[in-house]
C-alpha atoms as a PDB file:
ATOM      1  CA  MET A   1      96.758 116.252 113.900  1.00  0.00           C
ATOM      2  CA  GLN A   2      93.822 116.893 111.267  1.00  0.00           C
ATOM      3  CA  PRO A   3      94.991 117.307 107.689  1.00  0.00           C
ATOM      4  CA  GLU A   4      91.636 118.496 106.719  1.00  0.00           C
ATOM      5  CA  ASP A   5      92.874 121.762 108.897  1.00  0.00           C
ATOM      6  CA  TYR A   6      95.481 122.433 106.468  1.00  0.00           C
ATOM      7  CA  GLN A   7      95.400 123.484 102.757  1.00  0.00           C
ATOM      8  CA  ALA A   8      98.796 122.181 101.909  1.00  0.00           C
ATOM      9  CA  LEU A   9     101.769 120.035 103.039  1.00  0.00           C
ATOM     10  CA  VAL A  10     105.521 120.159 103.270  1.00  0.00           C
ATOM     11  CA  ILE A  11     107.920 117.497 103.820  1.00  0.00           C
ATOM     12  CA  PRO A  12     111.018 118.885 104.741  1.00  0.00           C
ATOM     13  CA  GLY A  13     114.425 116.942 104.066  1.00  0.00           C
ATOM     14  CA  GLY A  14     117.339 115.889 106.038  1.00  0.00           C
ATOM     15  CA  ARG A  15     117.306 112.373 108.120  1.00  0.00           C
ATOM     16  CA  ALA A  16     113.822 112.684 109.163  1.00  0.00           C
ATOM     17  CA  PRO A  17     112.505 111.082 106.176  1.00  0.00           C
ATOM     18  CA  GLU A  18     113.929 107.733 106.109  1.00  0.00           C
ATOM     19  CA  TYR A  19     112.628 107.091 109.875  1.00  0.00           C
ATOM     20  CA  ILE A  20     109.027 108.616 109.392  1.00  0.00           C
ATOM     21  CA  ARG A  21     108.092 107.066 106.171  1.00  0.00           C
ATOM     22  CA  THR A  22     106.891 103.952 107.927  1.00  0.00           C
ATOM     23  CA  ASP A  23     104.901 105.732 110.291  1.00  0.00           C
ATOM     24  CA  PRO A  24     100.942 105.077 109.962  1.00  0.00           C
ATOM     25  CA  ASP A  25      99.983 108.771 111.005  1.00  0.00           C
ATOM     26  CA  VAL A  26     102.355 110.135 108.762  1.00  0.00           C
ATOM     27  CA  ALA A  27     101.164 107.869 105.900  1.00  0.00           C
ATOM     28  CA  ARG A  28      97.363 108.805 106.938  1.00  0.00           C
ATOM     29  CA  ILE A  29      98.194 112.637 106.490  1.00  0.00           C
ATOM     30  CA  VAL A  30     100.004 112.210 103.148  1.00  0.00           C
ATOM     31  CA  HIS A  31      97.379 110.144 101.673  1.00  0.00           C
ATOM     32  CA  TYR A  32      95.207 112.531 102.691  1.00  0.00           C
ATOM     33  CA  PHE A  33      97.004 115.374 100.276  1.00  0.00           C
ATOM     34  CA  PHE A  34      97.581 113.252  97.692  1.00  0.00           C
ATOM     35  CA  GLU A  35      94.037 111.946  97.480  1.00  0.00           C
ATOM     36  CA  HIS A  36      92.177 115.350  97.855  1.00  0.00           C
ATOM     37  CA  GLY A  37      94.645 116.887  95.292  1.00  0.00           C
ATOM     38  CA  LEU A  38      96.275 119.311  97.436  1.00  0.00           C
ATOM     39  CA  PRO A  39      99.699 120.803  97.316  1.00  0.00           C
ATOM     40  CA  VAL A  40     102.497 118.592  98.598  1.00  0.00           C
ATOM     41  CA  GLY A  41     105.966 120.266  98.789  1.00  0.00           C
ATOM     42  CA  THR A  42     109.173 118.029  99.650  1.00  0.00           C
ATOM     43  CA  ILE A  43     112.765 119.094 100.209  1.00  0.00           C
ATOM     44  CA  CYS A  44     115.886 117.333  99.532  1.00  0.00           C
ATOM     45  CA  HIS A  45     114.798 113.612 101.205  1.00  0.00           C
ATOM     46  CA  GLY A  46     111.374 114.731 101.627  1.00  0.00           C
ATOM     47  CA  PRO A  47     110.075 112.702  98.494  1.00  0.00           C
ATOM     48  CA  GLN A  48     111.163 109.630 100.462  1.00  0.00           C
ATOM     49  CA  VAL A  49     107.964 109.888 102.403  1.00  0.00           C
ATOM     50  CA  PRO A  50     105.723 109.657  99.223  1.00  0.00           C
ATOM     51  CA  ALA A  51     107.791 107.198  97.368  1.00  0.00           C
ATOM     52  CA  ALA A  52     107.753 104.667 100.120  1.00  0.00           C
ATOM     53  CA  LEU A  53     103.777 104.794 100.029  1.00  0.00           C
ATOM     54  CA  GLY A  54     103.734 104.707  96.155  1.00  0.00           C
ATOM     55  CA  LEU A  55     102.260 108.131  95.831  1.00  0.00           C
ATOM     56  CA  LEU A  56     104.847 109.340  93.228  1.00  0.00           C
ATOM     57  CA  ARG A  57     103.956 106.811  90.624  1.00  0.00           C
ATOM     58  CA  TRP A  58     102.641 109.305  88.231  1.00  0.00           C
ATOM     59  CA  ALA A  59     103.907 112.324  89.713  1.00  0.00           C
ATOM     60  CA  CYS A  60     107.164 114.570  88.555  1.00  0.00           C
ATOM     61  CA  CYS A  61     109.806 115.282  90.976  1.00  0.00           C
ATOM     62  CA  ALA A  62     113.187 115.834  91.184  1.00  0.00           C
ATOM     63  CA  GLY A  63     115.756 114.736  94.234  1.00  0.00           C
ATOM     64  CA  PRO A  64     118.256 112.403  94.748  1.00  0.00           C
ATOM     65  CA  ALA A  65     118.265 109.108  93.388  1.00  0.00           C
ATOM     66  CA  ALA A  66     117.079 106.168  95.838  1.00  0.00           C
ATOM     67  CA  ARG A  67     119.554 103.328  96.059  1.00  0.00           C
ATOM     68  CA  ALA A  68     118.306  99.394  97.061  1.00  0.00           C
ATOM     69  CA  VAL A  69     122.146  98.756  97.885  1.00  0.00           C
ATOM     70  CA  PRO A  70     124.496 101.128  99.912  1.00  0.00           C
ATOM     71  CA  ARG A  71     127.696 102.412  97.637  1.00  0.00           C
ATOM     72  CA  ARG A  72     130.999 100.385  98.129  1.00  0.00           C
ATOM     73  CA  ARG A  73     133.728 102.766  99.064  1.00  0.00           C
ATOM     74  CA  SER A  74     136.581 102.772  96.764  1.00  0.00           C
ATOM     75  CA  ARG A  75     139.745 101.351  97.676  1.00  0.00           C
ATOM     76  CA  ARG A  76     142.733 103.191  97.056  1.00  0.00           C
END
């Protein structure tokens, strides 16, 4: 995929972002859109991708909070 052929990027949610966020091609494409100031939309867990690449440092976004450690189940 050549990102210069597109005017915007949408990163969907679901489980995919946790797997694709380390892919070098995905990183190349996402970096291109951020570096050129093009629109990037993310849905649900989609912000994991630009966040993993350090691109959300100065961006404003909303979404589920990432957790470094999985939550423990309460014992009842």
